[in-house]
Amino acid sequence: MNILKHSAVAALSAVSVAIMAVSAVQAQDPIELKFTSVSVPTDLHTQAMTVFADKLNELEPGTFDIQLYDSGSLFGQNSDLDALQRGNAEMTYVSFQLIADSIPQFGLFTAGYLFQNADHYRKVMNSDLGTEFKQTVSDEMGLQLLDTCYLGTREVNLRKYRDVQTPADLEGVKLRMPGSDAWLFLGKALGANPTPLPFGEVYLGLQTGTVDGQDNPLPTVDAAKFYEVTEQIVLTDHLVDGVNITVNNQTWDKLDDAQKAHMTEAAVAACDWNNERRYAKEAELVKFFESKGLKVTKPDVAAFREHVQSFYLESDRAKDWPQGWVERINKLAM
């Protein structure tokens, strides 16, 4: 009888140990993070994904299984956001334009001259206003915005030199803009005559005079070789753009407070790395364009900002914007 009892106890102990071992393994299973992007391998945003992964693994060794997908290899430009919301991926970059498509009142964040630089939109995102913005995005889109990585600052690039100090100096200038209503509106706000033209036709359009100028960040002017068919870059700084490192709520809600803090810290490290290099590249390009014979000029940016913001605020586009937010955002730049 005692032998049977001892055997039963031994068997139960063995089962208990096995269950505990399985439970321990299950508890240690890493949390899957598929981070998808349409950016190509040479893009700083792609490289920043690796910075994020390395930092998070340093802060949380073994906690996450981070899988990086670039070049739209997992989900394309028009499907990565949907993939996050469906739970088919956990992380991606989300633009302010995509957020505005889902929450029209946040079209505010796509307006000209809202942000002055990368530090400015970080101040905004870390303010009470930013907290309200991110909470609304979480509630309505199921997303957590961790940090904003600098994308670039759009400038005016002219075929022929002209003295540009205020928006009045762009009157009559056929300024190529992307074809959507939002972009054409920005062209008008700048004082120009916005002219839609597919990106692939811009070089020839500048060369032949179909358009008098175009607007893009400096790295795009370089990559597309627009400097070969233009004489001037006007540093209007009219749109400072960024993209948000984003995780879906399905994943975020599984994390404890320490894991959330570490994920945010890793996102900030990635954006710091990206921002420093993008600004350095823009400074290098100013010198490069000057070496190619272009005149790089600085207008009265304050006059442009005042004119463009008034143009937006007096239009129907601003009717849904949160009351007083433009003024609050302006103050955070001071």
C-alpha atoms as a PDB file:
ATOM      1  CA  MET A   1       0.000   0.000   0.000  1.00  0.00           C
ATOM      2  CA  ASN A   2       2.810   2.348   0.873  1.00  0.00           C
ATOM      3  CA  ILE A   3       4.547   1.455  -2.378  1.00  0.00           C
ATOM      4  CA  LEU A   4       1.435   2.409  -4.323  1.00  0.00           C
ATOM      5  CA  LYS A   5       1.125   5.659  -2.421  1.00  0.00           C
ATOM      6  CA  HIS A   6       4.755   6.534  -3.068  1.00  0.00           C
ATOM      7  CA  SER A   7       4.348   5.681  -6.741  1.00  0.00           C
ATOM      8  CA  ALA A   8       1.240   7.862  -7.002  1.00  0.00           C
ATOM      9  CA  VAL A   9       2.972  10.749  -5.274  1.00  0.00           C
ATOM     10  CA  ALA A  10       5.988  10.374  -7.539  1.00  0.00           C
ATOM     11  CA  ALA A  11       3.767  10.315 -10.614  1.00  0.00           C
ATOM     12  CA  LEU A  12       1.860  13.388  -9.493  1.00  0.00           C
ATOM     13  CA  SER A  13       5.124  15.184  -8.749  1.00  0.00           C
ATOM     14  CA  ALA A  14       6.432  14.352 -12.200  1.00  0.00           C
ATOM     15  CA  VAL A  15       3.247  15.665 -13.814  1.00  0.00           C
ATOM     16  CA  SER A  16       3.418  18.841 -11.726  1.00  0.00           C
ATOM     17  CA  VAL A  17       7.035  19.436 -12.723  1.00  0.00           C
ATOM     18  CA  ALA A  18       6.152  18.893 -16.382  1.00  0.00           C
ATOM     19  CA  ILE A  19       3.225  21.327 -16.187  1.00  0.00           C
ATOM     20  CA  MET A  20       5.406  23.925 -14.470  1.00  0.00           C
ATOM     21  CA  ALA A  21       8.106  23.482 -17.106  1.00  0.00           C
ATOM     22  CA  VAL A  22       5.607  23.950 -19.947  1.00  0.00           C
ATOM     23  CA  SER A  23       4.123  26.981 -18.193  1.00  0.00           C
ATOM     24  CA  ALA A  24       7.574  28.488 -17.749  1.00  0.00           C
ATOM     25  CA  VAL A  25       8.363  28.009 -21.442  1.00  0.00           C
ATOM     26  CA  GLN A  26       5.028  29.535 -22.409  1.00  0.00           C
ATOM     27  CA  ALA A  27       5.614  32.496 -20.106  1.00  0.00           C
ATOM     28  CA  GLN A  28       8.977  33.082 -21.775  1.00  0.00           C
ATOM     29  CA  ASP A  29       7.678  32.972 -25.346  1.00  0.00           C
ATOM     30  CA  PRO A  30       8.791  36.257 -26.934  1.00  0.00           C
ATOM     31  CA  ILE A  31       6.202  38.782 -28.054  1.00  0.00           C
ATOM     32  CA  GLU A  32       6.137  38.935 -31.845  1.00  0.00           C
ATOM     33  CA  LEU A  33       6.716  42.375 -33.384  1.00  0.00           C
ATOM     34  CA  LYS A  34       6.473  42.508 -37.168  1.00  0.00           C
ATOM     35  CA  PHE A  35       7.678  46.030 -38.086  1.00  0.00           C
ATOM     36  CA  THR A  36       6.759  46.759 -41.710  1.00  0.00           C
ATOM     37  CA  SER A  37       7.699  49.713 -43.920  1.00  0.00           C
ATOM     38  CA  VAL A  38       7.623  50.693 -47.594  1.00  0.00           C
ATOM     39  CA  SER A  39      10.981  52.494 -47.277  1.00  0.00           C
ATOM     40  CA  VAL A  40      13.903  51.014 -49.240  1.00  0.00           C
ATOM     41  CA  PRO A  41      17.038  49.593 -47.552  1.00  0.00           C
ATOM     42  CA  THR A  42      19.088  52.758 -48.157  1.00  0.00           C
ATOM     43  CA  ASP A  43      16.438  55.008 -46.588  1.00  0.00           C
ATOM     44  CA  LEU A  44      17.241  56.262 -43.101  1.00  0.00           C
ATOM     45  CA  HIS A  45      13.781  55.215 -41.920  1.00  0.00           C
ATOM     46  CA  THR A  46      14.613  51.609 -42.806  1.00  0.00           C
ATOM     47  CA  GLN A  47      17.934  51.834 -40.998  1.00  0.00           C
ATOM     48  CA  ALA A  48      16.194  53.433 -38.008  1.00  0.00           C
ATOM     49  CA  MET A  49      14.079  50.277 -37.708  1.00  0.00           C
ATOM     50  CA  THR A  50      17.277  48.372 -36.919  1.00  0.00           C
ATOM     51  CA  VAL A  51      18.229  51.026 -34.356  1.00  0.00           C
ATOM     52  CA  PHE A  52      14.809  50.517 -32.751  1.00  0.00           C
ATOM     53  CA  ALA A  53      15.194  46.725 -32.693  1.00  0.00           C
ATOM     54  CA  ASP A  54      18.712  46.842 -31.245  1.00  0.00           C
ATOM     55  CA  LYS A  55      17.713  49.294 -28.522  1.00  0.00           C
ATOM     56  CA  LEU A  56      14.587  47.366 -27.534  1.00  0.00           C
ATOM     57  CA  ASN A  57      16.514  44.088 -27.402  1.00  0.00           C
ATOM     58  CA  GLU A  58      19.107  45.806 -25.210  1.00  0.00           C
ATOM     59  CA  LEU A  59      16.423  47.086 -22.831  1.00  0.00           C
ATOM     60  CA  GLU A  60      14.276  43.933 -22.929  1.00  0.00           C
ATOM     61  CA  PRO A  61      16.548  40.972 -23.768  1.00  0.00           C
ATOM     62  CA  GLY A  62      14.509  37.992 -24.919  1.00  0.00           C
ATOM     63  CA  THR A  63      11.141  39.696 -24.449  1.00  0.00           C
ATOM     64  CA  PHE A  64      10.421  40.449 -28.105  1.00  0.00           C
ATOM     65  CA  ASP A  65      10.794  38.630 -31.413  1.00  0.00           C
ATOM     66  CA  ILE A  66      11.351  41.650 -33.678  1.00  0.00           C
ATOM     67  CA  GLN A  67      10.987  41.026 -37.412  1.00  0.00           C
ATOM     68  CA  LEU A  68      11.825  43.878 -39.808  1.00  0.00           C
ATOM     69  CA  TYR A  69      10.285  44.113 -43.288  1.00  0.00           C
ATOM     70  CA  ASP A  70      11.218  46.964 -45.646  1.00  0.00           C
ATOM     71  CA  SER A  71      10.442  47.885 -49.275  1.00  0.00           C
ATOM     72  CA  GLY A  72       6.797  46.902 -48.860  1.00  0.00           C
ATOM     73  CA  SER A  73       7.891  43.253 -48.778  1.00  0.00           C
ATOM     74  CA  LEU A  74       5.199  42.309 -46.250  1.00  0.00           C
ATOM     75  CA  PHE A  75       2.530  44.963 -46.860  1.00  0.00           C
ATOM     76  CA  GLY A  76       2.442  47.774 -49.416  1.00  0.00           C
ATOM     77  CA  GLN A  77       1.969  51.499 -48.894  1.00  0.00           C
ATOM     78  CA  ASN A  78      -1.812  51.359 -48.984  1.00  0.00           C
ATOM     79  CA  SER A  79      -2.184  48.236 -46.862  1.00  0.00           C
ATOM     80  CA  ASP A  80       0.305  48.473 -43.979  1.00  0.00           C
ATOM     81  CA  LEU A  81      -2.010  50.574 -41.811  1.00  0.00           C
ATOM     82  CA  ASP A  82      -4.887  48.185 -42.450  1.00  0.00           C
ATOM     83  CA  ALA A  83      -2.585  45.285 -41.555  1.00  0.00           C
ATOM     84  CA  LEU A  84      -1.861  46.872 -38.171  1.00  0.00           C
ATOM     85  CA  GLN A  85      -5.509  47.469 -37.433  1.00  0.00           C
ATOM     86  CA  ARG A  86      -6.374  43.873 -38.375  1.00  0.00           C
ATOM     87  CA  GLY A  87      -3.519  42.482 -36.282  1.00  0.00           C
ATOM     88  CA  ASN A  88      -1.591  41.062 -39.250  1.00  0.00           C
ATOM     89  CA  ALA A  89       1.415  43.210 -38.326  1.00  0.00           C
ATOM     90  CA  GLU A  90       2.293  44.957 -35.090  1.00  0.00           C
ATOM     91  CA  MET A  91       4.279  48.062 -36.107  1.00  0.00           C
ATOM     92  CA  THR A  92       4.753  50.487 -38.993  1.00  0.00           C
ATOM     93  CA  TYR A  93       5.337  54.157 -39.801  1.00  0.00           C
ATOM     94  CA  VAL A  94       2.099  56.154 -39.957  1.00  0.00           C
ATOM     95  CA  SER A  95       1.978  59.613 -41.547  1.00  0.00           C
ATOM     96  CA  PHE A  96      -0.091  62.553 -40.343  1.00  0.00           C
ATOM     97  CA  GLN A  97      -1.826  62.432 -43.739  1.00  0.00           C
ATOM     98  CA  LEU A  98      -3.087  58.893 -43.069  1.00  0.00           C
ATOM     99  CA  ILE A  99      -4.322  59.920 -39.638  1.00  0.00           C
ATOM    100  CA  ALA A 100      -6.159  62.898 -41.163  1.00  0.00           C
ATOM    101  CA  ASP A 101      -7.835  60.569 -43.672  1.00  0.00           C
ATOM    102  CA  SER A 102      -9.382  58.666 -40.749  1.00  0.00           C
ATOM    103  CA  ILE A 103      -9.927  61.614 -38.384  1.00  0.00           C
ATOM    104  CA  PRO A 104     -10.654  64.742 -40.507  1.00  0.00           C
ATOM    105  CA  GLN A 105     -10.230  67.186 -37.613  1.00  0.00           C
ATOM    106  CA  PHE A 106      -6.552  66.257 -37.606  1.00  0.00           C
ATOM    107  CA  GLY A 107      -6.126  67.582 -41.131  1.00  0.00           C
ATOM    108  CA  LEU A 108      -4.625  70.388 -39.078  1.00  0.00           C
ATOM    109  CA  PHE A 109      -1.405  68.368 -38.861  1.00  0.00           C
ATOM    110  CA  THR A 110      -0.985  68.367 -42.653  1.00  0.00           C
ATOM    111  CA  ALA A 111      -1.219  72.158 -43.050  1.00  0.00           C
ATOM    112  CA  GLY A 112       1.637  74.348 -44.212  1.00  0.00           C
ATOM    113  CA  TYR A 113       3.770  76.053 -41.570  1.00  0.00           C
ATOM    114  CA  LEU A 114       2.287  74.147 -38.643  1.00  0.00           C
ATOM    115  CA  PHE A 115       5.617  72.722 -37.480  1.00  0.00           C
ATOM    116  CA  GLN A 116       8.900  74.626 -37.630  1.00  0.00           C
ATOM    117  CA  ASN A 117      11.302  71.694 -37.193  1.00  0.00           C
ATOM    118  CA  ALA A 118      11.555  68.186 -35.753  1.00  0.00           C
ATOM    119  CA  ASP A 119      12.051  69.477 -32.216  1.00  0.00           C
ATOM    120  CA  HIS A 120       8.841  71.508 -32.552  1.00  0.00           C
ATOM    121  CA  TYR A 121       6.609  68.564 -33.407  1.00  0.00           C
ATOM    122  CA  ARG A 122       8.211  66.545 -30.631  1.00  0.00           C
ATOM    123  CA  LYS A 123       7.310  69.329 -28.200  1.00  0.00           C
ATOM    124  CA  VAL A 124       3.768  69.233 -29.547  1.00  0.00           C
ATOM    125  CA  MET A 125       3.503  65.449 -29.246  1.00  0.00           C
ATOM    126  CA  ASN A 126       4.822  65.570 -25.669  1.00  0.00           C
ATOM    127  CA  SER A 127       2.446  68.365 -24.609  1.00  0.00           C
ATOM    128  CA  ASP A 128      -1.102  68.137 -23.223  1.00  0.00           C
ATOM    129  CA  LEU A 129      -2.318  68.785 -26.756  1.00  0.00           C
ATOM    130  CA  GLY A 130      -0.227  65.884 -28.036  1.00  0.00           C
ATOM    131  CA  THR A 131      -1.576  63.616 -25.314  1.00  0.00           C
ATOM    132  CA  GLU A 132      -5.129  64.447 -26.398  1.00  0.00           C
ATOM    133  CA  PHE A 133      -4.221  63.883 -30.052  1.00  0.00           C
ATOM    134  CA  LYS A 134      -2.604  60.502 -29.363  1.00  0.00           C
ATOM    135  CA  GLN A 135      -5.490  59.387 -27.137  1.00  0.00           C
ATOM    136  CA  THR A 136      -7.976  60.160 -29.916  1.00  0.00           C
ATOM    137  CA  VAL A 137      -5.841  58.207 -32.399  1.00  0.00           C
ATOM    138  CA  SER A 138      -5.774  55.311 -29.935  1.00  0.00           C
ATOM    139  CA  ASP A 139      -9.540  55.418 -29.371  1.00  0.00           C
ATOM    140  CA  GLU A 140     -10.575  55.831 -33.017  1.00  0.00           C
ATOM    141  CA  MET A 141      -7.805  54.024 -34.919  1.00  0.00           C
ATOM    142  CA  GLY A 142      -6.547  51.475 -32.380  1.00  0.00           C
ATOM    143  CA  LEU A 143      -2.965  52.743 -32.594  1.00  0.00           C
ATOM    144  CA  GLN A 144      -0.270  53.996 -30.236  1.00  0.00           C
ATOM    145  CA  LEU A 145       2.058  56.700 -31.615  1.00  0.00           C
ATOM    146  CA  LEU A 146       5.460  56.187 -29.971  1.00  0.00           C
ATOM    147  CA  ASP A 147       7.539  58.983 -31.520  1.00  0.00           C
ATOM    148  CA  THR A 148       7.763  61.069 -34.697  1.00  0.00           C
ATOM    149  CA  CYS A 149      10.725  60.632 -37.051  1.00  0.00           C
ATOM    150  CA  TYR A 150      11.696  63.549 -39.282  1.00  0.00           C
ATOM    151  CA  LEU A 151      10.939  62.986 -42.972  1.00  0.00           C
ATOM    152  CA  GLY A 152      11.981  66.263 -44.559  1.00  0.00           C
ATOM    153  CA  THR A 153      11.223  69.929 -45.123  1.00  0.00           C
ATOM    154  CA  ARG A 154       9.699  71.027 -48.406  1.00  0.00           C
ATOM    155  CA  GLU A 155      11.312  73.976 -50.176  1.00  0.00           C
ATOM    156  CA  VAL A 156      10.552  75.920 -53.381  1.00  0.00           C
ATOM    157  CA  ASN A 157      12.837  75.126 -56.338  1.00  0.00           C
ATOM    158  CA  LEU A 158      12.640  77.615 -59.242  1.00  0.00           C
ATOM    159  CA  ARG A 159      13.599  77.268 -62.893  1.00  0.00           C
ATOM    160  CA  LYS A 160      14.735  80.909 -63.104  1.00  0.00           C
ATOM    161  CA  TYR A 161      16.089  83.114 -60.343  1.00  0.00           C
ATOM    162  CA  ARG A 162      13.783  85.690 -58.804  1.00  0.00           C
ATOM    163  CA  ASP A 163      13.873  87.742 -55.624  1.00  0.00           C
ATOM    164  CA  VAL A 164      11.461  85.918 -53.314  1.00  0.00           C
ATOM    165  CA  GLN A 165      10.877  87.472 -49.909  1.00  0.00           C
ATOM    166  CA  THR A 166       7.111  87.112 -49.342  1.00  0.00           C
ATOM    167  CA  PRO A 167       4.217  85.136 -50.887  1.00  0.00           C
ATOM    168  CA  ALA A 168       3.484  88.124 -53.151  1.00  0.00           C
ATOM    169  CA  ASP A 169       6.784  87.416 -54.926  1.00  0.00           C
ATOM    170  CA  LEU A 170       5.479  84.027 -56.087  1.00  0.00           C
ATOM    171  CA  GLU A 171       2.437  85.531 -57.811  1.00  0.00           C
ATOM    172  CA  GLY A 172       2.017  84.015 -61.263  1.00  0.00           C
ATOM    173  CA  VAL A 173       4.669  81.344 -60.697  1.00  0.00           C
ATOM    174  CA  LYS A 174       3.495  78.008 -62.110  1.00  0.00           C
ATOM    175  CA  LEU A 175       4.524  75.862 -59.179  1.00  0.00           C
ATOM    176  CA  ARG A 176       4.282  72.138 -59.748  1.00  0.00           C
ATOM    177  CA  MET A 177       2.463  70.445 -56.871  1.00  0.00           C
ATOM    178  CA  PRO A 178       1.166  66.890 -56.377  1.00  0.00           C
ATOM    179  CA  GLY A 179      -2.321  66.561 -57.835  1.00  0.00           C
ATOM    180  CA  SER A 180      -4.513  66.255 -54.739  1.00  0.00           C
ATOM    181  CA  ASP A 181      -6.713  69.101 -53.511  1.00  0.00           C
ATOM    182  CA  ALA A 182      -4.699  69.407 -50.303  1.00  0.00           C
ATOM    183  CA  TRP A 183      -1.424  69.941 -52.155  1.00  0.00           C
ATOM    184  CA  LEU A 184      -2.921  72.374 -54.660  1.00  0.00           C
ATOM    185  CA  PHE A 185      -4.405  74.347 -51.770  1.00  0.00           C
ATOM    186  CA  LEU A 186      -0.945  74.612 -50.206  1.00  0.00           C
ATOM    187  CA  GLY A 187       0.429  75.933 -53.504  1.00  0.00           C
ATOM    188  CA  LYS A 188      -2.208  78.670 -53.521  1.00  0.00           C
ATOM    189  CA  ALA A 189      -1.489  79.486 -49.890  1.00  0.00           C
ATOM    190  CA  LEU A 190       2.160  80.042 -50.807  1.00  0.00           C
ATOM    191  CA  GLY A 191       1.043  82.708 -53.293  1.00  0.00           C
ATOM    192  CA  ALA A 192       1.819  80.692 -56.423  1.00  0.00           C
ATOM    193  CA  ASN A 193      -0.245  79.302 -59.283  1.00  0.00           C
ATOM    194  CA  PRO A 194      -0.242  75.585 -58.379  1.00  0.00           C
ATOM    195  CA  THR A 195       0.072  73.317 -61.396  1.00  0.00           C
ATOM    196  CA  PRO A 196      -0.526  69.564 -61.044  1.00  0.00           C
ATOM    197  CA  LEU A 197       2.003  67.387 -62.847  1.00  0.00           C
ATOM    198  CA  PRO A 198       2.978  63.735 -62.314  1.00  0.00           C
ATOM    199  CA  PHE A 199       6.313  63.395 -60.556  1.00  0.00           C
ATOM    200  CA  GLY A 200       7.850  61.553 -63.495  1.00  0.00           C
ATOM    201  CA  GLU A 201       7.185  64.550 -65.752  1.00  0.00           C
ATOM    202  CA  VAL A 202       8.586  67.249 -63.472  1.00  0.00           C
ATOM    203  CA  TYR A 203      12.160  67.222 -64.817  1.00  0.00           C
ATOM    204  CA  LEU A 204      10.993  67.742 -68.404  1.00  0.00           C
ATOM    205  CA  GLY A 205       8.398  70.259 -67.261  1.00  0.00           C
ATOM    206  CA  LEU A 206      11.116  72.344 -65.623  1.00  0.00           C
ATOM    207  CA  GLN A 207      13.418  71.932 -68.591  1.00  0.00           C
ATOM    208  CA  THR A 208      10.823  73.120 -71.114  1.00  0.00           C
ATOM    209  CA  GLY A 209       9.120  75.756 -68.969  1.00  0.00           C
ATOM    210  CA  THR A 210       5.813  73.924 -68.645  1.00  0.00           C
ATOM    211  CA  VAL A 211       6.211  74.780 -64.964  1.00  0.00           C
ATOM    212  CA  ASP A 212       8.307  77.509 -63.351  1.00  0.00           C
ATOM    213  CA  GLY A 213       9.171  75.564 -60.246  1.00  0.00           C
ATOM    214  CA  GLN A 214       8.417  72.655 -57.966  1.00  0.00           C
ATOM    215  CA  ASP A 215       8.396  71.941 -54.234  1.00  0.00           C
ATOM    216  CA  ASN A 216      10.080  69.012 -52.512  1.00  0.00           C
ATOM    217  CA  PRO A 217      12.521  68.218 -49.715  1.00  0.00           C
ATOM    218  CA  LEU A 218      16.164  68.778 -50.692  1.00  0.00           C
ATOM    219  CA  PRO A 219      17.034  65.049 -50.895  1.00  0.00           C
ATOM    220  CA  THR A 220      14.315  64.669 -53.548  1.00  0.00           C
ATOM    221  CA  VAL A 221      15.738  67.608 -55.530  1.00  0.00           C
ATOM    222  CA  ASP A 222      19.056  65.770 -55.436  1.00  0.00           C
ATOM    223  CA  ALA A 223      17.753  62.290 -56.253  1.00  0.00           C
ATOM    224  CA  ALA A 224      15.624  63.526 -59.178  1.00  0.00           C
ATOM    225  CA  LYS A 225      18.450  65.822 -60.379  1.00  0.00           C
ATOM    226  CA  PHE A 226      16.136  68.828 -60.537  1.00  0.00           C
ATOM    227  CA  TYR A 227      19.215  70.959 -59.839  1.00  0.00           C
ATOM    228  CA  GLU A 228      20.232  70.328 -63.465  1.00  0.00           C
ATOM    229  CA  VAL A 229      17.246  72.293 -64.802  1.00  0.00           C
ATOM    230  CA  THR A 230      16.717  74.947 -62.104  1.00  0.00           C
ATOM    231  CA  GLU A 231      18.585  78.037 -60.915  1.00  0.00           C
ATOM    232  CA  GLN A 232      17.341  78.627 -57.387  1.00  0.00           C
ATOM    233  CA  ILE A 233      16.198  77.004 -54.173  1.00  0.00           C
ATOM    234  CA  VAL A 234      14.127  79.199 -51.861  1.00  0.00           C
ATOM    235  CA  LEU A 235      14.291  77.880 -48.293  1.00  0.00           C
ATOM    236  CA  THR A 236      10.652  78.552 -47.499  1.00  0.00           C
ATOM    237  CA  ASP A 237      10.494  75.614 -45.031  1.00  0.00           C
ATOM    238  CA  HIS A 238       6.766  75.521 -45.761  1.00  0.00           C
ATOM    239  CA  LEU A 239       6.075  71.946 -44.702  1.00  0.00           C
ATOM    240  CA  VAL A 240       8.076  70.112 -42.057  1.00  0.00           C
ATOM    241  CA  ASP A 241       6.945  66.519 -42.284  1.00  0.00           C
ATOM    242  CA  GLY A 242       7.401  63.425 -40.165  1.00  0.00           C
ATOM    243  CA  VAL A 243       6.133  59.878 -39.772  1.00  0.00           C
ATOM    244  CA  ASN A 244       5.139  58.210 -36.521  1.00  0.00           C
ATOM    245  CA  ILE A 245       6.573  54.931 -35.253  1.00  0.00           C
ATOM    246  CA  THR A 246       3.347  53.159 -34.398  1.00  0.00           C
ATOM    247  CA  VAL A 247       2.245  49.957 -32.657  1.00  0.00           C
ATOM    248  CA  ASN A 248      -1.280  48.581 -32.638  1.00  0.00           C
ATOM    249  CA  ASN A 249      -3.326  48.475 -29.455  1.00  0.00           C
ATOM    250  CA  GLN A 250      -3.644  44.679 -29.606  1.00  0.00           C
ATOM    251  CA  THR A 251       0.082  44.489 -28.895  1.00  0.00           C
ATOM    252  CA  TRP A 252       0.389  47.553 -26.659  1.00  0.00           C
ATOM    253  CA  ASP A 253      -2.332  46.389 -24.278  1.00  0.00           C
ATOM    254  CA  LYS A 254      -0.443  43.129 -23.609  1.00  0.00           C
ATOM    255  CA  LEU A 255       2.621  44.963 -22.296  1.00  0.00           C
ATOM    256  CA  ASP A 256       3.361  45.914 -18.714  1.00  0.00           C
ATOM    257  CA  ASP A 257       4.373  49.465 -17.826  1.00  0.00           C
ATOM    258  CA  ALA A 258       8.109  48.758 -17.996  1.00  0.00           C
ATOM    259  CA  GLN A 259       7.804  47.160 -21.439  1.00  0.00           C
ATOM    260  CA  LYS A 260       5.764  50.114 -22.710  1.00  0.00           C
ATOM    261  CA  ALA A 261       8.373  52.542 -21.389  1.00  0.00           C
ATOM    262  CA  HIS A 262      11.186  50.578 -23.013  1.00  0.00           C
ATOM    263  CA  MET A 263       9.376  50.366 -26.355  1.00  0.00           C
ATOM    264  CA  THR A 264       8.852  54.130 -26.302  1.00  0.00           C
ATOM    265  CA  GLU A 265      12.500  54.686 -25.352  1.00  0.00           C
ATOM    266  CA  ALA A 266      13.593  52.532 -28.302  1.00  0.00           C
ATOM    267  CA  ALA A 267      11.367  54.530 -30.668  1.00  0.00           C
ATOM    268  CA  VAL A 268      12.860  57.801 -29.408  1.00  0.00           C
ATOM    269  CA  ALA A 269      16.371  56.409 -29.936  1.00  0.00           C
ATOM    270  CA  ALA A 270      15.472  55.417 -33.497  1.00  0.00           C
ATOM    271  CA  CYS A 271      14.028  58.843 -34.303  1.00  0.00           C
ATOM    272  CA  ASP A 272      16.997  60.626 -32.696  1.00  0.00           C
ATOM    273  CA  TRP A 273      19.312  58.624 -34.945  1.00  0.00           C
ATOM    274  CA  ASN A 274      17.189  59.357 -38.027  1.00  0.00           C
ATOM    275  CA  ASN A 275      16.700  63.059 -37.308  1.00  0.00           C
ATOM    276  CA  GLU A 276      20.379  63.802 -36.761  1.00  0.00           C
ATOM    277  CA  ARG A 277      21.337  62.215 -40.064  1.00  0.00           C
ATOM    278  CA  ARG A 278      18.536  63.754 -42.109  1.00  0.00           C
ATOM    279  CA  TYR A 279      19.378  67.275 -40.947  1.00  0.00           C
ATOM    280  CA  ALA A 280      23.078  66.663 -41.629  1.00  0.00           C
ATOM    281  CA  LYS A 281      22.223  65.467 -45.141  1.00  0.00           C
ATOM    282  CA  GLU A 282      20.135  68.577 -45.820  1.00  0.00           C
ATOM    283  CA  ALA A 283      23.009  70.820 -44.712  1.00  0.00           C
ATOM    284  CA  GLU A 284      25.364  68.936 -47.041  1.00  0.00           C
ATOM    285  CA  LEU A 285      22.936  69.339 -49.927  1.00  0.00           C
ATOM    286  CA  VAL A 286      22.763  73.124 -49.562  1.00  0.00           C
ATOM    287  CA  LYS A 287      26.522  73.227 -50.149  1.00  0.00           C
ATOM    288  CA  PHE A 288      26.222  70.721 -52.996  1.00  0.00           C
ATOM    289  CA  PHE A 289      23.553  72.754 -54.813  1.00  0.00           C
ATOM    290  CA  GLU A 290      25.608  75.908 -54.430  1.00  0.00           C
ATOM    291  CA  SER A 291      28.584  74.077 -55.927  1.00  0.00           C
ATOM    292  CA  LYS A 292      26.374  73.277 -58.923  1.00  0.00           C
ATOM    293  CA  GLY A 293      25.703  76.975 -59.451  1.00  0.00           C
ATOM    294  CA  LEU A 294      22.269  77.251 -57.832  1.00  0.00           C
ATOM    295  CA  LYS A 295      21.424  80.241 -55.685  1.00  0.00           C
ATOM    296  CA  VAL A 296      20.102  79.100 -52.304  1.00  0.00           C
ATOM    297  CA  THR A 297      18.151  81.965 -50.736  1.00  0.00           C
ATOM    298  CA  LYS A 298      16.223  82.545 -47.519  1.00  0.00           C
ATOM    299  CA  PRO A 299      12.964  84.542 -47.709  1.00  0.00           C
ATOM    300  CA  ASP A 300      11.041  86.229 -44.910  1.00  0.00           C
ATOM    301  CA  VAL A 301       9.798  82.940 -43.435  1.00  0.00           C
ATOM    302  CA  ALA A 302       7.731  84.732 -40.783  1.00  0.00           C
ATOM    303  CA  ALA A 303       5.818  86.576 -43.521  1.00  0.00           C
ATOM    304  CA  PHE A 304       5.204  83.303 -45.347  1.00  0.00           C
ATOM    305  CA  ARG A 305       4.069  81.592 -42.138  1.00  0.00           C
ATOM    306  CA  GLU A 306       1.630  84.345 -41.225  1.00  0.00           C
ATOM    307  CA  HIS A 307       0.152  84.448 -44.730  1.00  0.00           C
ATOM    308  CA  VAL A 308      -0.173  80.675 -45.115  1.00  0.00           C
ATOM    309  CA  GLN A 309      -1.679  80.083 -41.670  1.00  0.00           C
ATOM    310  CA  SER A 310      -4.231  82.846 -42.253  1.00  0.00           C
ATOM    311  CA  PHE A 311      -5.045  81.364 -45.657  1.00  0.00           C
ATOM    312  CA  TYR A 312      -5.839  78.022 -44.022  1.00  0.00           C
ATOM    313  CA  LEU A 313      -7.704  79.425 -41.020  1.00  0.00           C
ATOM    314  CA  GLU A 314      -9.978  81.531 -43.226  1.00  0.00           C
ATOM    315  CA  SER A 315     -10.852  78.544 -45.430  1.00  0.00           C
ATOM    316  CA  ASP A 316     -13.365  75.713 -45.098  1.00  0.00           C
ATOM    317  CA  ARG A 317     -10.459  73.352 -44.477  1.00  0.00           C
ATOM    318  CA  ALA A 318     -10.115  74.696 -40.942  1.00  0.00           C
ATOM    319  CA  LYS A 319     -13.772  74.428 -39.953  1.00  0.00           C
ATOM    320  CA  ASP A 320     -13.272  71.024 -38.290  1.00  0.00           C
ATOM    321  CA  TRP A 321      -9.919  71.787 -36.681  1.00  0.00           C
ATOM    322  CA  PRO A 322      -9.824  71.743 -32.863  1.00  0.00           C
ATOM    323  CA  GLN A 323     -10.437  75.278 -31.618  1.00  0.00           C
ATOM    324  CA  GLY A 324      -7.288  77.186 -30.699  1.00  0.00           C
ATOM    325  CA  TRP A 325      -4.849  74.411 -31.543  1.00  0.00           C
ATOM    326  CA  VAL A 326      -2.909  76.398 -34.164  1.00  0.00           C
ATOM    327  CA  GLU A 327      -2.191  79.127 -31.612  1.00  0.00           C
ATOM    328  CA  ARG A 328      -1.167  76.567 -28.985  1.00  0.00           C
ATOM    329  CA  ILE A 329       1.144  74.811 -31.443  1.00  0.00           C
ATOM    330  CA  ASN A 330       2.698  78.130 -32.458  1.00  0.00           C
ATOM    331  CA  LYS A 331       3.463  78.940 -28.815  1.00  0.00           C
ATOM    332  CA  LEU A 332       5.262  75.622 -28.350  1.00  0.00           C
ATOM    333  CA  ALA A 333       7.804  76.688 -30.980  1.00  0.00           C
ATOM    334  CA  MET A 334       8.927  79.649 -28.861  1.00  0.00           C
END
